[in-house]
Amino acid sequence: MADVFRALDDETRRLILDELAASDGQTLFEICAVMTTRHARGLTRQAISQHLAVLESAGLVATERRGRSKFHYFTPEPLAQITHRWPTTEGHER
């Protein structure tokens, strides 16, 4: 679970997850383009690739190779594990 928190501790990685959640199955090229155009992040392909590696290591991103292309998919299960660890109690007064 520490890997998940570490992965989420970076704003760029959270933006990448937001983009994959909105449009799953993107290539590195597509993610780079979206980060540049929509979020004004002028990151290199290598930098984005390193962010994706951290997300994949934490289990938040899964990849699939098709031919020469590698597609990235958001995997929400690790986030669900966090909410199961600290469930909310309805009606709990503070």
PDB file of N, CA and C in Angstrom:
ATOM      1  N   MET A   1       0.822  -1.196   0.000  1.00  0.00           N
ATOM      2  CA  MET A   1       0.000   0.000   0.000  1.00  0.00           C
ATOM      3  C   MET A   1       0.867   1.261   0.000  1.00  0.00           C
ATOM      4  N   ALA A   2       2.083   1.160   0.529  1.00  0.00           N
ATOM      5  CA  ALA A   2       2.979   2.314   0.545  1.00  0.00           C
ATOM      6  C   ALA A   2       3.286   2.780  -0.875  1.00  0.00           C
ATOM      7  N   ASP A   3       3.380   1.830  -1.829  1.00  0.00           N
ATOM      8  CA  ASP A   3       3.633   2.186  -3.229  1.00  0.00           C
ATOM      9  C   ASP A   3       2.492   3.028  -3.798  1.00  0.00           C
ATOM     10  N   VAL A   4       1.284   2.714  -3.391  1.00  0.00           N
ATOM     11  CA  VAL A   4       0.121   3.464  -3.887  1.00  0.00           C
ATOM     12  C   VAL A   4       0.181   4.900  -3.373  1.00  0.00           C
ATOM     13  N   PHE A   5       0.463   5.069  -2.084  1.00  0.00           N
ATOM     14  CA  PHE A   5       0.547   6.419  -1.533  1.00  0.00           C
ATOM     15  C   PHE A   5       1.692   7.207  -2.166  1.00  0.00           C
ATOM     16  N   ARG A   6       2.821   6.553  -2.390  1.00  0.00           N
ATOM     17  CA  ARG A   6       3.958   7.207  -3.030  1.00  0.00           C
ATOM     18  C   ARG A   6       3.595   7.637  -4.456  1.00  0.00           C
ATOM     19  N   ALA A   7       2.910   6.764  -5.166  1.00  0.00           N
ATOM     20  CA  ALA A   7       2.513   7.077  -6.538  1.00  0.00           C
ATOM     21  C   ALA A   7       1.542   8.256  -6.578  1.00  0.00           C
ATOM     22  N   LEU A   8       0.640   8.317  -5.629  1.00  0.00           N
ATOM     23  CA  LEU A   8      -0.371   9.378  -5.604  1.00  0.00           C
ATOM     24  C   LEU A   8       0.166  10.696  -5.054  1.00  0.00           C
ATOM     25  N   ASP A   9       1.374  10.673  -4.507  1.00  0.00           N
ATOM     26  CA  ASP A   9       1.963  11.857  -3.893  1.00  0.00           C
ATOM     27  C   ASP A   9       2.463  12.866  -4.926  1.00  0.00           C
ATOM     28  N   ASP A  10       2.399  12.543  -6.192  1.00  0.00           N
ATOM     29  CA  ASP A  10       2.904  13.421  -7.239  1.00  0.00           C
ATOM     30  C   ASP A  10       1.745  13.922  -8.106  1.00  0.00           C
ATOM     31  N   GLU A  11       1.678  15.235  -8.302  1.00  0.00           N
ATOM     32  CA  GLU A  11       0.569  15.816  -9.058  1.00  0.00           C
ATOM     33  C   GLU A  11       0.531  15.334 -10.511  1.00  0.00           C
ATOM     34  N   THR A  12       1.684  15.184 -11.124  1.00  0.00           N
ATOM     35  CA  THR A  12       1.719  14.716 -12.516  1.00  0.00           C
ATOM     36  C   THR A  12       1.148  13.306 -12.618  1.00  0.00           C
ATOM     37  N   ARG A  13       1.487  12.438 -11.682  1.00  0.00           N
ATOM     38  CA  ARG A  13       0.949  11.073 -11.716  1.00  0.00           C
ATOM     39  C   ARG A  13      -0.558  11.076 -11.488  1.00  0.00           C
ATOM     40  N   ARG A  14      -1.042  11.963 -10.627  1.00  0.00           N
ATOM     41  CA  ARG A  14      -2.496  12.057 -10.424  1.00  0.00           C
ATOM     42  C   ARG A  14      -3.179  12.535 -11.704  1.00  0.00           C
ATOM     43  N   LEU A  15      -2.558  13.478 -12.417  1.00  0.00           N
ATOM     44  CA  LEU A  15      -3.123  13.940 -13.697  1.00  0.00           C
ATOM     45  C   LEU A  15      -3.141  12.820 -14.730  1.00  0.00           C
ATOM     46  N   ILE A  16      -2.084  12.027 -14.769  1.00  0.00           N
ATOM     47  CA  ILE A  16      -2.045  10.887 -15.694  1.00  0.00           C
ATOM     48  C   ILE A  16      -3.178   9.924 -15.376  1.00  0.00           C
ATOM     49  N   LEU A  17      -3.388   9.633 -14.089  1.00  0.00           N
ATOM     50  CA  LEU A  17      -4.494   8.742 -13.700  1.00  0.00           C
ATOM     51  C   LEU A  17      -5.840   9.350 -14.081  1.00  0.00           C
ATOM     52  N   ASP A  18      -5.995  10.659 -13.881  1.00  0.00           N
ATOM     53  CA  ASP A  18      -7.241  11.335 -14.281  1.00  0.00           C
ATOM     54  C   ASP A  18      -7.499  11.135 -15.769  1.00  0.00           C
ATOM     55  N   GLU A  19      -6.466  11.306 -16.569  1.00  0.00           N
ATOM     56  CA  GLU A  19      -6.615  11.164 -18.014  1.00  0.00           C
ATOM     57  C   GLU A  19      -6.925   9.727 -18.417  1.00  0.00           C
ATOM     58  N   LEU A  20      -6.276   8.759 -17.758  1.00  0.00           N
ATOM     59  CA  LEU A  20      -6.564   7.361 -18.077  1.00  0.00           C
ATOM     60  C   LEU A  20      -7.964   6.968 -17.608  1.00  0.00           C
ATOM     61  N   ALA A  21      -8.409   7.523 -16.489  1.00  0.00           N
ATOM     62  CA  ALA A  21      -9.763   7.238 -16.019  1.00  0.00           C
ATOM     63  C   ALA A  21     -10.801   7.800 -16.988  1.00  0.00           C
ATOM     64  N   ALA A  22     -10.480   8.933 -17.600  1.00  0.00           N
ATOM     65  CA  ALA A  22     -11.412   9.552 -18.548  1.00  0.00           C
ATOM     66  C   ALA A  22     -11.372   8.871 -19.911  1.00  0.00           C
ATOM     67  N   SER A  23     -10.190   8.412 -20.313  1.00  0.00           N
ATOM     68  CA  SER A  23     -10.028   7.787 -21.627  1.00  0.00           C
ATOM     69  C   SER A  23      -8.966   6.700 -21.507  1.00  0.00           C
ATOM     70  N   ASP A  24      -9.406   5.513 -21.190  1.00  0.00           N
ATOM     71  CA  ASP A  24      -8.509   4.391 -20.918  1.00  0.00           C
ATOM     72  C   ASP A  24      -7.851   3.870 -22.193  1.00  0.00           C
ATOM     73  N   GLY A  25      -6.713   3.226 -22.039  1.00  0.00           N
ATOM     74  CA  GLY A  25      -6.053   2.579 -23.163  1.00  0.00           C
ATOM     75  C   GLY A  25      -5.251   3.520 -24.040  1.00  0.00           C
ATOM     76  N   GLN A  26      -4.550   4.465 -23.432  1.00  0.00           N
ATOM     77  CA  GLN A  26      -3.769   5.424 -24.200  1.00  0.00           C
ATOM     78  C   GLN A  26      -2.317   4.965 -24.341  1.00  0.00           C
ATOM     79  N   THR A  27      -1.703   5.370 -25.427  1.00  0.00           N
ATOM     80  CA  THR A  27      -0.285   5.110 -25.638  1.00  0.00           C
ATOM     81  C   THR A  27       0.530   6.209 -24.958  1.00  0.00           C
ATOM     82  N   LEU A  28       1.826   5.983 -24.848  1.00  0.00           N
ATOM     83  CA  LEU A  28       2.716   6.991 -24.284  1.00  0.00           C
ATOM     84  C   LEU A  28       2.621   8.286 -25.078  1.00  0.00           C
ATOM     85  N   PHE A  29       2.590   8.189 -26.396  1.00  0.00           N
ATOM     86  CA  PHE A  29       2.471   9.373 -27.245  1.00  0.00           C
ATOM     87  C   PHE A  29       1.200  10.159 -26.919  1.00  0.00           C
ATOM     88  N   GLU A  30       0.076   9.463 -26.777  1.00  0.00           N
ATOM     89  CA  GLU A  30      -1.195  10.130 -26.470  1.00  0.00           C
ATOM     90  C   GLU A  30      -1.159  10.794 -25.097  1.00  0.00           C
ATOM     91  N   ILE A  31      -0.580  10.115 -24.123  1.00  0.00           N
ATOM     92  CA  ILE A  31      -0.495  10.686 -22.773  1.00  0.00           C
ATOM     93  C   ILE A  31       0.387  11.935 -22.785  1.00  0.00           C
ATOM     94  N   CYS A  32       1.506  11.872 -23.487  1.00  0.00           N
ATOM     95  CA  CYS A  32       2.386  13.042 -23.593  1.00  0.00           C
ATOM     96  C   CYS A  32       1.649  14.219 -24.231  1.00  0.00           C
ATOM     97  N   ALA A  33       0.911  13.956 -25.291  1.00  0.00           N
ATOM     98  CA  ALA A  33       0.171  15.014 -25.982  1.00  0.00           C
ATOM     99  C   ALA A  33      -0.865  15.652 -25.070  1.00  0.00           C
ATOM    100  N   VAL A  34      -1.597  14.846 -24.337  1.00  0.00           N
ATOM    101  CA  VAL A  34      -2.625  15.364 -23.430  1.00  0.00           C
ATOM    102  C   VAL A  34      -1.988  16.167 -22.300  1.00  0.00           C
ATOM    103  N   MET A  35      -0.889  15.681 -21.773  1.00  0.00           N
ATOM    104  CA  MET A  35      -0.225  16.402 -20.685  1.00  0.00           C
ATOM    105  C   MET A  35       0.277  17.764 -21.160  1.00  0.00           C
ATOM    106  N   THR A  36       0.715  17.843 -22.404  1.00  0.00           N
ATOM    107  CA  THR A  36       1.204  19.106 -22.951  1.00  0.00           C
ATOM    108  C   THR A  36       0.060  20.053 -23.284  1.00  0.00           C
ATOM    109  N   THR A  37      -0.947  19.556 -23.990  1.00  0.00           N
ATOM    110  CA  THR A  37      -2.024  20.431 -24.460  1.00  0.00           C
ATOM    111  C   THR A  37      -3.044  20.781 -23.383  1.00  0.00           C
ATOM    112  N   ARG A  38      -3.477  19.811 -22.615  1.00  0.00           N
ATOM    113  CA  ARG A  38      -4.536  20.042 -21.639  1.00  0.00           C
ATOM    114  C   ARG A  38      -4.020  20.551 -20.298  1.00  0.00           C
ATOM    115  N   HIS A  39      -2.793  20.143 -19.940  1.00  0.00           N
ATOM    116  CA  HIS A  39      -2.281  20.480 -18.606  1.00  0.00           C
ATOM    117  C   HIS A  39      -1.022  21.339 -18.628  1.00  0.00           C
ATOM    118  N   ALA A  40      -0.599  21.773 -19.819  1.00  0.00           N
ATOM    119  CA  ALA A  40       0.585  22.627 -19.979  1.00  0.00           C
ATOM    120  C   ALA A  40       1.808  22.065 -19.258  1.00  0.00           C
ATOM    121  N   ARG A  41       1.969  20.750 -19.357  1.00  0.00           N
ATOM    122  CA  ARG A  41       3.130  20.084 -18.766  1.00  0.00           C
ATOM    123  C   ARG A  41       4.087  19.718 -19.890  1.00  0.00           C
ATOM    124  N   GLY A  42       5.188  20.417 -19.986  1.00  0.00           N
ATOM    125  CA  GLY A  42       6.161  20.153 -21.030  1.00  0.00           C
ATOM    126  C   GLY A  42       7.169  19.097 -20.603  1.00  0.00           C
ATOM    127  N   LEU A  43       6.685  17.912 -20.335  1.00  0.00           N
ATOM    128  CA  LEU A  43       7.556  16.827 -19.884  1.00  0.00           C
ATOM    129  C   LEU A  43       8.027  15.995 -21.071  1.00  0.00           C
ATOM    130  N   THR A  44       9.217  15.437 -20.951  1.00  0.00           N
ATOM    131  CA  THR A  44       9.734  14.564 -22.003  1.00  0.00           C
ATOM    132  C   THR A  44       9.011  13.225 -21.963  1.00  0.00           C
ATOM    133  N   ARG A  45       9.131  12.494 -23.055  1.00  0.00           N
ATOM    134  CA  ARG A  45       8.555  11.144 -23.099  1.00  0.00           C
ATOM    135  C   ARG A  45       9.174  10.279 -22.009  1.00  0.00           C
ATOM    136  N   GLN A  46      10.475  10.457 -21.771  1.00  0.00           N
ATOM    137  CA  GLN A  46      11.157   9.679 -20.737  1.00  0.00           C
ATOM    138  C   GLN A  46      10.591   9.990 -19.352  1.00  0.00           C
ATOM    139  N   ALA A  47      10.313  11.259 -19.074  1.00  0.00           N
ATOM    140  CA  ALA A  47       9.746  11.636 -17.768  1.00  0.00           C
ATOM    141  C   ALA A  47       8.360  11.020 -17.584  1.00  0.00           C
ATOM    142  N   ILE A  48       7.519  11.104 -18.619  1.00  0.00           N
ATOM    143  CA  ILE A  48       6.180  10.504 -18.541  1.00  0.00           C
ATOM    144  C   ILE A  48       6.302   8.993 -18.375  1.00  0.00           C
ATOM    145  N   SER A  49       7.222   8.396 -19.087  1.00  0.00           N
ATOM    146  CA  SER A  49       7.449   6.958 -18.996  1.00  0.00           C
ATOM    147  C   SER A  49       7.856   6.560 -17.583  1.00  0.00           C
ATOM    148  N   GLN A  50       8.675   7.363 -16.936  1.00  0.00           N
ATOM    149  CA  GLN A  50       9.079   7.087 -15.553  1.00  0.00           C
ATOM    150  C   GLN A  50       7.887   7.210 -14.605  1.00  0.00           C
ATOM    151  N   HIS A  51       7.043   8.204 -14.819  1.00  0.00           N
ATOM    152  CA  HIS A  51       5.826   8.340 -14.002  1.00  0.00           C
ATOM    153  C   HIS A  51       4.921   7.120 -14.194  1.00  0.00           C
ATOM    154  N   LEU A  52       4.779   6.677 -15.434  1.00  0.00           N
ATOM    155  CA  LEU A  52       3.954   5.497 -15.712  1.00  0.00           C
ATOM    156  C   LEU A  52       4.532   4.254 -15.052  1.00  0.00           C
ATOM    157  N   ALA A  53       5.852   4.147 -14.992  1.00  0.00           N
ATOM    158  CA  ALA A  53       6.490   3.007 -14.342  1.00  0.00           C
ATOM    159  C   ALA A  53       6.183   2.983 -12.848  1.00  0.00           C
ATOM    160  N   VAL A  54       6.168   4.145 -12.218  1.00  0.00           N
ATOM    161  CA  VAL A  54       5.819   4.227 -10.784  1.00  0.00           C
ATOM    162  C   VAL A  54       4.363   3.814 -10.589  1.00  0.00           C
ATOM    163  N   LEU A  55       3.479   4.301 -11.455  1.00  0.00           N
ATOM    164  CA  LEU A  55       2.056   3.955 -11.363  1.00  0.00           C
ATOM    165  C   LEU A  55       1.839   2.463 -11.606  1.00  0.00           C
ATOM    166  N   GLU A  56       2.566   1.907 -12.556  1.00  0.00           N
ATOM    167  CA  GLU A  56       2.444   0.477 -12.844  1.00  0.00           C
ATOM    168  C   GLU A  56       2.983  -0.354 -11.681  1.00  0.00           C
ATOM    169  N   SER A  57       4.087   0.069 -11.102  1.00  0.00           N
ATOM    170  CA  SER A  57       4.666  -0.630  -9.958  1.00  0.00           C
ATOM    171  C   SER A  57       3.711  -0.644  -8.766  1.00  0.00           C
ATOM    172  N   ALA A  58       2.924   0.413  -8.617  1.00  0.00           N
ATOM    173  CA  ALA A  58       1.947   0.505  -7.530  1.00  0.00           C
ATOM    174  C   ALA A  58       0.655  -0.233  -7.860  1.00  0.00           C
ATOM    175  N   GLY A  59       0.544  -0.751  -9.081  1.00  0.00           N
ATOM    176  CA  GLY A  59      -0.660  -1.476  -9.474  1.00  0.00           C
ATOM    177  C   GLY A  59      -1.787  -0.585  -9.946  1.00  0.00           C
ATOM    178  N   LEU A  60      -1.514   0.710 -10.122  1.00  0.00           N
ATOM    179  CA  LEU A  60      -2.553   1.646 -10.539  1.00  0.00           C
ATOM    180  C   LEU A  60      -2.716   1.724 -12.052  1.00  0.00           C
ATOM    181  N   VAL A  61      -1.721   1.219 -12.775  1.00  0.00           N
ATOM    182  CA  VAL A  61      -1.765   1.196 -14.234  1.00  0.00           C
ATOM    183  C   VAL A  61      -1.340  -0.184 -14.710  1.00  0.00           C
ATOM    184  N   ALA A  62      -2.083  -0.708 -15.660  1.00  0.00           N
ATOM    185  CA  ALA A  62      -1.723  -1.971 -16.315  1.00  0.00           C
ATOM    186  C   ALA A  62      -1.421  -1.650 -17.772  1.00  0.00           C
ATOM    187  N   THR A  63      -0.552  -2.440 -18.366  1.00  0.00           N
ATOM    188  CA  THR A  63      -0.194  -2.192 -19.763  1.00  0.00           C
ATOM    189  C   THR A  63      -0.459  -3.420 -20.610  1.00  0.00           C
ATOM    190  N   GLU A  64      -0.642  -3.162 -21.891  1.00  0.00           N
ATOM    191  CA  GLU A  64      -0.854  -4.232 -22.871  1.00  0.00           C
ATOM    192  C   GLU A  64      -0.121  -3.853 -24.147  1.00  0.00           C
ATOM    193  N   ARG A  65       0.689  -4.762 -24.623  1.00  0.00           N
ATOM    194  CA  ARG A  65       1.402  -4.532 -25.885  1.00  0.00           C
ATOM    195  C   ARG A  65       0.597  -5.105 -27.041  1.00  0.00           C
ATOM    196  N   ARG A  66       0.451  -4.275 -28.069  1.00  0.00           N
ATOM    197  CA  ARG A  66      -0.167  -4.718 -29.317  1.00  0.00           C
ATOM    198  C   ARG A  66       0.726  -4.242 -30.447  1.00  0.00           C
ATOM    199  N   GLY A  67       1.435  -5.194 -31.034  1.00  0.00           N
ATOM    200  CA  GLY A  67       2.396  -4.825 -32.064  1.00  0.00           C
ATOM    201  C   GLY A  67       3.496  -3.980 -31.459  1.00  0.00           C
ATOM    202  N   ARG A  68       3.725  -2.836 -32.046  1.00  0.00           N
ATOM    203  CA  ARG A  68       4.764  -1.933 -31.548  1.00  0.00           C
ATOM    204  C   ARG A  68       4.228  -0.949 -30.524  1.00  0.00           C
ATOM    205  N   SER A  69       2.938  -0.971 -30.265  1.00  0.00           N
ATOM    206  CA  SER A  69       2.323  -0.014 -29.342  1.00  0.00           C
ATOM    207  C   SER A  69       2.081  -0.634 -27.976  1.00  0.00           C
ATOM    208  N   LYS A  70       2.212   0.193 -26.957  1.00  0.00           N
ATOM    209  CA  LYS A  70       1.952  -0.218 -25.578  1.00  0.00           C
ATOM    210  C   LYS A  70       0.827   0.672 -25.059  1.00  0.00           C
ATOM    211  N   PHE A  71      -0.249   0.043 -24.622  1.00  0.00           N
ATOM    212  CA  PHE A  71      -1.425   0.766 -24.149  1.00  0.00           C
ATOM    213  C   PHE A  71      -1.476   0.719 -22.627  1.00  0.00           C
ATOM    214  N   HIS A  72      -1.887   1.842 -22.027  1.00  0.00           N
ATOM    215  CA  HIS A  72      -1.921   1.987 -20.577  1.00  0.00           C
ATOM    216  C   HIS A  72      -3.374   2.091 -20.110  1.00  0.00           C
ATOM    217  N   TYR A  73      -3.676   1.344 -19.041  1.00  0.00           N
ATOM    218  CA  TYR A  73      -5.041   1.275 -18.509  1.00  0.00           C
ATOM    219  C   TYR A  73      -5.045   1.571 -17.014  1.00  0.00           C
ATOM    220  N   PHE A  74      -6.006   2.366 -16.581  1.00  0.00           N
ATOM    221  CA  PHE A  74      -6.188   2.678 -15.166  1.00  0.00           C
ATOM    222  C   PHE A  74      -6.735   1.449 -14.447  1.00  0.00           C
ATOM    223  N   THR A  75      -6.133   1.128 -13.319  1.00  0.00           N
ATOM    224  CA  THR A  75      -6.564  -0.003 -12.507  1.00  0.00           C
ATOM    225  C   THR A  75      -6.965   0.535 -11.121  1.00  0.00           C
ATOM    226  N   PRO A  76      -8.267   0.640 -10.817  1.00  0.00           N
ATOM    227  CA  PRO A  76      -8.708   1.272  -9.575  1.00  0.00           C
ATOM    228  C   PRO A  76      -8.636   0.384  -8.323  1.00  0.00           C
ATOM    229  N   GLU A  77      -8.372  -0.905  -8.469  1.00  0.00           N
ATOM    230  CA  GLU A  77      -8.408  -1.807  -7.313  1.00  0.00           C
ATOM    231  C   GLU A  77      -7.536  -1.366  -6.138  1.00  0.00           C
ATOM    232  N   PRO A  78      -6.303  -0.886  -6.353  1.00  0.00           N
ATOM    233  CA  PRO A  78      -5.509  -0.444  -5.205  1.00  0.00           C
ATOM    234  C   PRO A  78      -6.152   0.704  -4.427  1.00  0.00           C
ATOM    235  N   LEU A  79      -6.895   1.559  -5.117  1.00  0.00           N
ATOM    236  CA  LEU A  79      -7.599   2.640  -4.425  1.00  0.00           C
ATOM    237  C   LEU A  79      -8.737   2.089  -3.578  1.00  0.00           C
ATOM    238  N   ALA A  80      -9.395   1.058  -4.072  1.00  0.00           N
ATOM    239  CA  ALA A  80     -10.470   0.415  -3.311  1.00  0.00           C
ATOM    240  C   ALA A  80      -9.925  -0.225  -2.041  1.00  0.00           C
ATOM    241  N   GLN A  81      -8.712  -0.768  -2.113  1.00  0.00           N
ATOM    242  CA  GLN A  81      -8.091  -1.374  -0.931  1.00  0.00           C
ATOM    243  C   GLN A  81      -7.868  -0.334   0.157  1.00  0.00           C
ATOM    244  N   ILE A  82      -7.536   0.892  -0.244  1.00  0.00           N
ATOM    245  CA  ILE A  82      -7.353   1.965   0.737  1.00  0.00           C
ATOM    246  C   ILE A  82      -8.660   2.253   1.455  1.00  0.00           C
ATOM    247  N   THR A  83      -9.756   2.337   0.715  1.00  0.00           N
ATOM    248  CA  THR A  83     -11.037   2.643   1.346  1.00  0.00           C
ATOM    249  C   THR A  83     -11.530   1.493   2.222  1.00  0.00           C
ATOM    250  N   HIS A  84     -11.138   0.267   1.887  1.00  0.00           N
ATOM    251  CA  HIS A  84     -11.509  -0.870   2.736  1.00  0.00           C
ATOM    252  C   HIS A  84     -10.720  -0.879   4.034  1.00  0.00           C
ATOM    253  N   ARG A  85      -9.518  -0.335   3.989  1.00  0.00           N
ATOM    254  CA  ARG A  85      -8.686  -0.304   5.189  1.00  0.00           C
ATOM    255  C   ARG A  85      -9.278   0.660   6.221  1.00  0.00           C
ATOM    256  N   TRP A  86      -9.779   1.788   5.758  1.00  0.00           N
ATOM    257  CA  TRP A  86     -10.356   2.781   6.660  1.00  0.00           C
ATOM    258  C   TRP A  86     -11.795   3.068   6.230  1.00  0.00           C
ATOM    259  N   PRO A  87     -12.711   2.154   6.493  1.00  0.00           N
ATOM    260  CA  PRO A  87     -14.102   2.380   6.078  1.00  0.00           C
ATOM    261  C   PRO A  87     -14.707   3.550   6.843  1.00  0.00           C
ATOM    262  N   THR A  88     -15.604   4.235   6.164  1.00  0.00           N
ATOM    263  CA  THR A  88     -16.304   5.343   6.828  1.00  0.00           C
ATOM    264  C   THR A  88     -17.495   4.767   7.583  1.00  0.00           C
ATOM    265  N   THR A  89     -17.836   5.423   8.644  1.00  0.00           N
ATOM    266  CA  THR A  89     -18.990   5.012   9.440  1.00  0.00           C
ATOM    267  C   THR A  89     -20.080   6.046   9.223  1.00  0.00           C
ATOM    268  N   GLU A  90     -21.178   5.620   8.631  1.00  0.00           N
ATOM    269  CA  GLU A  90     -22.295   6.518   8.395  1.00  0.00           C
ATOM    270  C   GLU A  90     -22.885   6.956   9.730  1.00  0.00           C
ATOM    271  N   GLY A  91     -23.201   8.238   9.814  1.00  0.00           N
ATOM    272  CA  GLY A  91     -23.842   8.759  11.000  1.00  0.00           C
ATOM    273  C   GLY A  91     -22.881   8.974  12.139  1.00  0.00           C
ATOM    274  N   HIS A  92     -21.584   8.859  11.911  1.00  0.00           N
ATOM    275  CA  HIS A  92     -20.609   9.054  12.968  1.00  0.00           C
ATOM    276  C   HIS A  92     -20.508  10.540  13.286  1.00  0.00           C
ATOM    277  N   GLU A  93     -20.760  10.905  14.507  1.00  0.00           N
ATOM    278  CA  GLU A  93     -20.709  12.305  14.942  1.00  0.00           C
ATOM    279  C   GLU A  93     -19.317  12.633  15.423  1.00  0.00           C
ATOM    280  N   ARG A  94     -18.891  13.829  15.166  1.00  0.00           N
ATOM    281  CA  ARG A  94     -17.559  14.292  15.622  1.00  0.00           C
ATOM    282  C   ARG A  94     -17.730  15.312  16.700  1.00  0.00           C
TER     283      ARG A  94
END
